[in-house]
Amino acid sequence: FAQLGVIASMQPSHAIGDLYFAPKRLGSERLAGA
């Protein structure tokens, strides 16, 4: 992102809603980058 000058446009509320079900979708290992 920084190398290419790309902005990360992110929405914090997605995390506190999605993290209830994201472990089922992704497994714990991939959540480190979520």
All heavy atoms as atom14 arrays in JSON, in Angstrom:
{
  "sequence": "FAQLGVIASMQPSHAIGDLYFAPKRLGSERLAGA",
  "atom14_mask": [
    [1, 1, 1, 1, 1, 1, 1, 1, 1, 1, 1, 0, 0, 0],
    [1, 1, 1, 1, 1, 0, 0, 0, 0, 0, 0, 0, 0, 0],
    [1, 1, 1, 1, 1, 1, 1, 1, 1, 0, 0, 0, 0, 0],
    [1, 1, 1, 1, 1, 1, 1, 1, 0, 0, 0, 0, 0, 0],
    [1, 1, 1, 1, 0, 0, 0, 0, 0, 0, 0, 0, 0, 0],
    [1, 1, 1, 1, 1, 1, 1, 0, 0, 0, 0, 0, 0, 0],
    [1, 1, 1, 1, 1, 1, 1, 1, 0, 0, 0, 0, 0, 0],
    [1, 1, 1, 1, 1, 0, 0, 0, 0, 0, 0, 0, 0, 0],
    [1, 1, 1, 1, 1, 1, 0, 0, 0, 0, 0, 0, 0, 0],
    [1, 1, 1, 1, 1, 1, 1, 1, 0, 0, 0, 0, 0, 0],
    [1, 1, 1, 1, 1, 1, 1, 1, 1, 0, 0, 0, 0, 0],
    [1, 1, 1, 1, 1, 1, 1, 0, 0, 0, 0, 0, 0, 0],
    [1, 1, 1, 1, 1, 1, 0, 0, 0, 0, 0, 0, 0, 0],
    [1, 1, 1, 1, 1, 1, 1, 1, 1, 1, 0, 0, 0, 0],
    [1, 1, 1, 1, 1, 0, 0, 0, 0, 0, 0, 0, 0, 0],
    [1, 1, 1, 1, 1, 1, 1, 1, 0, 0, 0, 0, 0, 0],
    [1, 1, 1, 1, 0, 0, 0, 0, 0, 0, 0, 0, 0, 0],
    [1, 1, 1, 1, 1, 1, 1, 1, 0, 0, 0, 0, 0, 0],
    [1, 1, 1, 1, 1, 1, 1, 1, 0, 0, 0, 0, 0, 0],
    [1, 1, 1, 1, 1, 1, 1, 1, 1, 1, 1, 1, 0, 0],
    [1, 1, 1, 1, 1, 1, 1, 1, 1, 1, 1, 0, 0, 0],
    [1, 1, 1, 1, 1, 0, 0, 0, 0, 0, 0, 0, 0, 0],
    [1, 1, 1, 1, 1, 1, 1, 0, 0, 0, 0, 0, 0, 0],
    [1, 1, 1, 1, 1, 1, 1, 1, 1, 0, 0, 0, 0, 0],
    [1, 1, 1, 1, 1, 1, 1, 1, 1, 1, 1, 0, 0, 0],
    [1, 1, 1, 1, 1, 1, 1, 1, 0, 0, 0, 0, 0, 0],
    [1, 1, 1, 1, 0, 0, 0, 0, 0, 0, 0, 0, 0, 0],
    [1, 1, 1, 1, 1, 1, 0, 0, 0, 0, 0, 0, 0, 0],
    [1, 1, 1, 1, 1, 1, 1, 1, 1, 0, 0, 0, 0, 0],
    [1, 1, 1, 1, 1, 1, 1, 1, 1, 1, 1, 0, 0, 0],
    [1, 1, 1, 1, 1, 1, 1, 1, 0, 0, 0, 0, 0, 0],
    [1, 1, 1, 1, 1, 0, 0, 0, 0, 0, 0, 0, 0, 0],
    [1, 1, 1, 1, 0, 0, 0, 0, 0, 0, 0, 0, 0, 0],
    [1, 1, 1, 1, 1, 0, 0, 0, 0, 0, 0, 0, 0, 0]
  ],
  "atom14_positions": [
    [[0.85, -1.2, 0.0], [0.0, 0.0, 0.0], [0.88, 1.25, 0.0], [0.72, 2.14, -0.84], [-0.94, -0.01, 1.2], [-2.12, -0.93, 1.06], [-2.0, -2.3, 1.23], [-3.37, -0.43, 0.73], [-3.09, -3.15, 1.08], [-4.47, -1.25, 0.59], [-4.33, -2.63, 0.76], [0.0, 0.0, 0.0], [0.0, 0.0, 0.0], [0.0, 0.0, 0.0]],
    [[1.8, 1.32, 0.96], [2.69, 2.48, 1.02], [3.62, 2.53, -0.18], [3.89, 3.61, -0.73], [3.49, 2.44, 2.32], [0.0, 0.0, 0.0], [0.0, 0.0, 0.0], [0.0, 0.0, 0.0], [0.0, 0.0, 0.0], [0.0, 0.0, 0.0], [0.0, 0.0, 0.0], [0.0, 0.0, 0.0], [0.0, 0.0, 0.0], [0.0, 0.0, 0.0]],
    [[4.13, 1.4, -0.61], [5.06, 1.37, -1.74], [4.42, 1.92, -3.01], [5.08, 2.59, -3.81], [5.56, -0.05, -1.96], [6.47, -0.58, -0.85], [6.64, -2.08, -0.88], [6.13, -2.76, -1.79], [7.34, -2.63, 0.11], [0.0, 0.0, 0.0], [0.0, 0.0, 0.0], [0.0, 0.0, 0.0], [0.0, 0.0, 0.0], [0.0, 0.0, 0.0]],
    [[3.14, 1.63, -3.2], [2.44, 2.06, -4.4], [1.69, 3.38, -4.22], [1.09, 3.9, -5.16], [1.45, 0.98, -4.85], [2.06, -0.35, -5.28], [0.96, -1.4, -5.49], [2.88, -0.18, -6.56], [0.0, 0.0, 0.0], [0.0, 0.0, 0.0], [0.0, 0.0, 0.0], [0.0, 0.0, 0.0], [0.0, 0.0, 0.0], [0.0, 0.0, 0.0]],
    [[1.7, 3.92, -2.99], [0.94, 5.14, -2.71], [-0.56, 4.9, -2.7], [-1.34, 5.81, -3.03], [0.0, 0.0, 0.0], [0.0, 0.0, 0.0], [0.0, 0.0, 0.0], [0.0, 0.0, 0.0], [0.0, 0.0, 0.0], [0.0, 0.0, 0.0], [0.0, 0.0, 0.0], [0.0, 0.0, 0.0], [0.0, 0.0, 0.0], [0.0, 0.0, 0.0]],
    [[-0.98, 3.69, -2.33], [-2.39, 3.33, -2.31], [-2.97, 3.56, -0.92], [-2.4, 3.15, 0.09], [-2.57, 1.86, -2.74], [-4.03, 1.41, -2.57], [-2.13, 1.66, -4.18], [0.0, 0.0, 0.0], [0.0, 0.0, 0.0], [0.0, 0.0, 0.0], [0.0, 0.0, 0.0], [0.0, 0.0, 0.0], [0.0, 0.0, 0.0], [0.0, 0.0, 0.0]],
    [[-4.11, 4.22, -0.88], [-4.8, 4.51, 0.38], [-5.63, 3.32, 0.79], [-6.32, 2.71, -0.03], [-5.7, 5.75, 0.2], [-4.85, 6.99, -0.09], [-6.57, 5.98, 1.44], [-5.64, 8.14, -0.68], [0.0, 0.0, 0.0], [0.0, 0.0, 0.0], [0.0, 0.0, 0.0], [0.0, 0.0, 0.0], [0.0, 0.0, 0.0], [0.0, 0.0, 0.0]],
    [[-5.58, 2.96, 2.08], [-6.44, 1.91, 2.64], [-7.67, 2.58, 3.22], [-7.62, 3.19, 4.29], [-5.68, 1.12, 3.71], [0.0, 0.0, 0.0], [0.0, 0.0, 0.0], [0.0, 0.0, 0.0], [0.0, 0.0, 0.0], [0.0, 0.0, 0.0], [0.0, 0.0, 0.0], [0.0, 0.0, 0.0], [0.0, 0.0, 0.0], [0.0, 0.0, 0.0]],
    [[-8.78, 2.49, 2.5], [-10.05, 3.09, 2.93], [-10.84, 2.01, 3.67], [-11.39, 1.09, 3.05], [-10.81, 3.61, 1.71], [-12.1, 4.07, 2.08], [0.0, 0.0, 0.0], [0.0, 0.0, 0.0], [0.0, 0.0, 0.0], [0.0, 0.0, 0.0], [0.0, 0.0, 0.0], [0.0, 0.0, 0.0], [0.0, 0.0, 0.0], [0.0, 0.0, 0.0]],
    [[-10.9, 2.14, 5.01], [-11.4, 1.04, 5.84], [-12.5, 1.52, 6.78], [-12.57, 2.7, 7.13], [-10.24, 0.43, 6.64], [-9.08, -0.01, 5.75], [-7.67, -0.68, 6.66], [-8.28, -2.33, 7.06], [0.0, 0.0, 0.0], [0.0, 0.0, 0.0], [0.0, 0.0, 0.0], [0.0, 0.0, 0.0], [0.0, 0.0, 0.0], [0.0, 0.0, 0.0]],
    [[-13.33, 0.59, 7.2], [-14.49, 0.9, 8.02], [-14.43, 0.08, 9.3], [-14.7, -1.13, 9.29], [-15.78, 0.58, 7.25], [-15.91, 1.33, 5.93], [-15.01, 0.8, 4.82], [-14.9, -0.41, 4.62], [-14.35, 1.68, 4.09], [0.0, 0.0, 0.0], [0.0, 0.0, 0.0], [0.0, 0.0, 0.0], [0.0, 0.0, 0.0], [0.0, 0.0, 0.0]],
    [[-14.07, 0.69, 10.43], [-13.87, -0.08, 11.67], [-15.07, -0.9, 12.12], [-14.9, -1.98, 12.68], [-13.52, 1.02, 12.69], [-12.87, 2.09, 11.87], [-13.62, 2.08, 10.58], [0.0, 0.0, 0.0], [0.0, 0.0, 0.0], [0.0, 0.0, 0.0], [0.0, 0.0, 0.0], [0.0, 0.0, 0.0], [0.0, 0.0, 0.0], [0.0, 0.0, 0.0]],
    [[-16.27, -0.42, 11.86], [-17.46, -1.17, 12.31], [-17.57, -2.51, 11.62], [-18.2, -3.44, 12.15], [-18.74, -0.36, 12.07], [-18.89, -0.06, 10.7], [0.0, 0.0, 0.0], [0.0, 0.0, 0.0], [0.0, 0.0, 0.0], [0.0, 0.0, 0.0], [0.0, 0.0, 0.0], [0.0, 0.0, 0.0], [0.0, 0.0, 0.0], [0.0, 0.0, 0.0]],
    [[-16.98, -2.67, 10.44], [-17.0, -3.99, 9.79], [-16.33, -5.03, 10.67], [-16.77, -6.18, 10.74], [-16.29, -3.93, 8.44], [-17.1, -3.32, 7.33], [-18.47, -3.28, 7.35], [-16.72, -2.72, 6.17], [-18.91, -2.69, 6.25], [-17.87, -2.34, 5.52], [0.0, 0.0, 0.0], [0.0, 0.0, 0.0], [0.0, 0.0, 0.0], [0.0, 0.0, 0.0]],
    [[-15.23, -4.64, 11.31], [-14.51, -5.6, 12.15], [-15.39, -6.09, 13.3], [-15.48, -7.3, 13.54], [-13.22, -4.98, 12.68], [0.0, 0.0, 0.0], [0.0, 0.0, 0.0], [0.0, 0.0, 0.0], [0.0, 0.0, 0.0], [0.0, 0.0, 0.0], [0.0, 0.0, 0.0], [0.0, 0.0, 0.0], [0.0, 0.0, 0.0], [0.0, 0.0, 0.0]],
    [[-16.02, -5.17, 14.01], [-16.76, -5.6, 15.21], [-18.07, -6.29, 14.87], [-18.69, -6.9, 15.74], [-16.97, -4.43, 16.19], [-17.91, -3.36, 15.61], [-15.62, -3.8, 16.57], [-18.31, -2.3, 16.62], [0.0, 0.0, 0.0], [0.0, 0.0, 0.0], [0.0, 0.0, 0.0], [0.0, 0.0, 0.0], [0.0, 0.0, 0.0], [0.0, 0.0, 0.0]],
    [[-18.48, -6.2, 13.6], [-19.62, -7.0, 13.16], [-19.2, -8.34, 12.59], [-19.72, -9.39, 12.94], [0.0, 0.0, 0.0], [0.0, 0.0, 0.0], [0.0, 0.0, 0.0], [0.0, 0.0, 0.0], [0.0, 0.0, 0.0], [0.0, 0.0, 0.0], [0.0, 0.0, 0.0], [0.0, 0.0, 0.0], [0.0, 0.0, 0.0], [0.0, 0.0, 0.0]],
    [[-18.16, -8.31, 11.74], [-17.73, -9.51, 11.03], [-17.0, -10.51, 11.91], [-17.01, -11.72, 11.62], [-16.83, -9.14, 9.86], [-17.55, -8.38, 8.76], [-18.76, -8.11, 8.91], [-16.9, -8.05, 7.76], [0.0, 0.0, 0.0], [0.0, 0.0, 0.0], [0.0, 0.0, 0.0], [0.0, 0.0, 0.0], [0.0, 0.0, 0.0], [0.0, 0.0, 0.0]],
    [[-16.32, -10.04, 12.94], [-15.47, -10.95, 13.71], [-16.27, -11.96, 14.53], [-15.68, -12.89, 15.1], [-14.5, -10.16, 14.6], [-13.32, -9.58, 13.82], [-12.52, -8.58, 14.65], [-12.39, -10.7, 13.32], [0.0, 0.0, 0.0], [0.0, 0.0, 0.0], [0.0, 0.0, 0.0], [0.0, 0.0, 0.0], [0.0, 0.0, 0.0], [0.0, 0.0, 0.0]],
    [[-17.57, -11.83, 14.55], [-18.4, -12.9, 15.12], [-18.39, -14.14, 14.22], [-18.41, -15.26, 14.7], [-19.84, -12.43, 15.31], [-20.08, -11.62, 16.56], [-20.25, -10.25, 16.5], [-20.14, -12.23, 17.81], [-20.48, -9.5, 17.65], [-20.37, -11.51, 18.96], [-20.53, -10.14, 18.87], [-20.75, -9.41, 20.02], [0.0, 0.0, 0.0], [0.0, 0.0, 0.0]],
    [[-18.4, -13.91, 12.9], [-18.48, -15.05, 11.98], [-17.22, -15.28, 11.16], [-17.05, -16.33, 10.55], [-19.68, -14.89, 11.03], [-19.57, -13.75, 10.06], [-18.85, -13.88, 8.89], [-20.21, -12.54, 10.31], [-18.75, -12.83, 7.99], [-20.11, -11.48, 9.42], [-19.38, -11.64, 8.25], [0.0, 0.0, 0.0], [0.0, 0.0, 0.0], [0.0, 0.0, 0.0]],
    [[-16.32, -14.29, 11.12], [-15.11, -14.42, 10.31], [-14.27, -15.65, 10.66], [-13.7, -16.27, 9.75], [-14.27, -13.15, 10.4], [0.0, 0.0, 0.0], [0.0, 0.0, 0.0], [0.0, 0.0, 0.0], [0.0, 0.0, 0.0], [0.0, 0.0, 0.0], [0.0, 0.0, 0.0], [0.0, 0.0, 0.0], [0.0, 0.0, 0.0], [0.0, 0.0, 0.0]],
    [[-14.15, -16.05, 11.94], [-13.38, -17.28, 12.22], [-13.94, -18.5, 11.5], [-13.18, -19.37, 11.07], [-13.47, -17.41, 13.74], [-13.65, -16.0, 14.22], [-14.52, -15.36, 13.19], [0.0, 0.0, 0.0], [0.0, 0.0, 0.0], [0.0, 0.0, 0.0], [0.0, 0.0, 0.0], [0.0, 0.0, 0.0], [0.0, 0.0, 0.0], [0.0, 0.0, 0.0]],
    [[-15.26, -18.58, 11.36], [-15.86, -19.72, 10.65], [-15.52, -19.66, 9.16], [-15.32, -20.69, 8.52], [-17.37, -19.72, 10.84], [-17.82, -19.89, 12.29], [-19.33, -19.81, 12.38], [-19.82, -19.91, 13.82], [-21.28, -19.75, 13.94], [0.0, 0.0, 0.0], [0.0, 0.0, 0.0], [0.0, 0.0, 0.0], [0.0, 0.0, 0.0], [0.0, 0.0, 0.0]],
    [[-15.49, -18.45, 8.61], [-15.21, -18.32, 7.18], [-13.72, -18.53, 6.87], [-13.36, -19.13, 5.86], [-15.6, -16.91, 6.7], [-17.06, -16.56, 6.85], [-17.91, -17.21, 5.78], [-19.25, -16.64, 5.77], [-20.25, -17.05, 6.54], [-20.05, -18.06, 7.4], [-21.45, -16.49, 6.47], [0.0, 0.0, 0.0], [0.0, 0.0, 0.0], [0.0, 0.0, 0.0]],
    [[-12.84, -18.01, 7.75], [-11.43, -17.92, 7.42], [-10.52, -18.85, 8.2], [-9.45, -19.22, 7.72], [-10.94, -16.48, 7.65], [-11.62, -15.37, 6.86], [-11.13, -14.01, 7.34], [-11.37, -15.53, 5.36], [0.0, 0.0, 0.0], [0.0, 0.0, 0.0], [0.0, 0.0, 0.0], [0.0, 0.0, 0.0], [0.0, 0.0, 0.0], [0.0, 0.0, 0.0]],
    [[-10.92, -19.19, 9.44], [-10.0, -19.88, 10.34], [-9.12, -18.86, 11.04], [-8.91, -17.74, 10.56], [0.0, 0.0, 0.0], [0.0, 0.0, 0.0], [0.0, 0.0, 0.0], [0.0, 0.0, 0.0], [0.0, 0.0, 0.0], [0.0, 0.0, 0.0], [0.0, 0.0, 0.0], [0.0, 0.0, 0.0], [0.0, 0.0, 0.0], [0.0, 0.0, 0.0]],
    [[-8.58, -19.25, 12.19], [-7.84, -18.29, 13.02], [-6.58, -17.75, 12.36], [-6.23, -16.58, 12.55], [-7.48, -18.95, 14.36], [-8.65, -19.23, 15.1], [0.0, 0.0, 0.0], [0.0, 0.0, 0.0], [0.0, 0.0, 0.0], [0.0, 0.0, 0.0], [0.0, 0.0, 0.0], [0.0, 0.0, 0.0], [0.0, 0.0, 0.0], [0.0, 0.0, 0.0]],
    [[-5.9, -18.55, 11.56], [-4.61, -18.11, 11.01], [-4.77, -16.9, 10.11], [-4.0, -15.93, 10.2], [-3.96, -19.26, 10.24], [-2.57, -18.91, 9.71], [-1.9, -20.1, 9.03], [-2.4, -21.23, 9.17], [-0.88, -19.88, 8.35], [0.0, 0.0, 0.0], [0.0, 0.0, 0.0], [0.0, 0.0, 0.0], [0.0, 0.0, 0.0], [0.0, 0.0, 0.0]],
    [[-5.77, -16.89, 9.24], [-5.93, -15.77, 8.32], [-6.42, -14.51, 9.01], [-6.29, -13.4, 8.47], [-6.88, -16.16, 7.18], [-6.21, -16.95, 6.09], [-7.12, -17.23, 4.92], [-8.12, -18.23, 5.21], [-8.89, -18.82, 4.3], [-8.78, -18.47, 3.02], [-9.78, -19.74, 4.64], [0.0, 0.0, 0.0], [0.0, 0.0, 0.0], [0.0, 0.0, 0.0]],
    [[-6.98, -14.64, 10.23], [-7.49, -13.47, 10.93], [-6.37, -12.52, 11.36], [-6.62, -11.35, 11.66], [-8.29, -13.89, 12.16], [-9.64, -14.55, 11.87], [-10.28, -15.04, 13.15], [-10.57, -13.58, 11.14], [0.0, 0.0, 0.0], [0.0, 0.0, 0.0], [0.0, 0.0, 0.0], [0.0, 0.0, 0.0], [0.0, 0.0, 0.0], [0.0, 0.0, 0.0]],
    [[-5.14, -12.99, 11.38], [-4.02, -12.12, 11.73], [-3.87, -10.98, 10.72], [-3.34, -9.91, 11.06], [-2.72, -12.92, 11.8], [0.0, 0.0, 0.0], [0.0, 0.0, 0.0], [0.0, 0.0, 0.0], [0.0, 0.0, 0.0], [0.0, 0.0, 0.0], [0.0, 0.0, 0.0], [0.0, 0.0, 0.0], [0.0, 0.0, 0.0], [0.0, 0.0, 0.0]],
    [[-4.35, -11.19, 9.5], [-4.28, -10.13, 8.49], [-5.63, -9.52, 8.18], [-5.8, -8.88, 7.13], [0.0, 0.0, 0.0], [0.0, 0.0, 0.0], [0.0, 0.0, 0.0], [0.0, 0.0, 0.0], [0.0, 0.0, 0.0], [0.0, 0.0, 0.0], [0.0, 0.0, 0.0], [0.0, 0.0, 0.0], [0.0, 0.0, 0.0], [0.0, 0.0, 0.0]],
    [[-6.6, -9.68, 9.07], [-7.95, -9.17, 8.84], [-8.18, -7.89, 9.63], [-7.84, -7.8, 10.81], [-8.98, -10.23, 9.24], [0.0, 0.0, 0.0], [0.0, 0.0, 0.0], [0.0, 0.0, 0.0], [0.0, 0.0, 0.0], [0.0, 0.0, 0.0], [0.0, 0.0, 0.0], [0.0, 0.0, 0.0], [0.0, 0.0, 0.0], [0.0, 0.0, 0.0]]
  ]
}
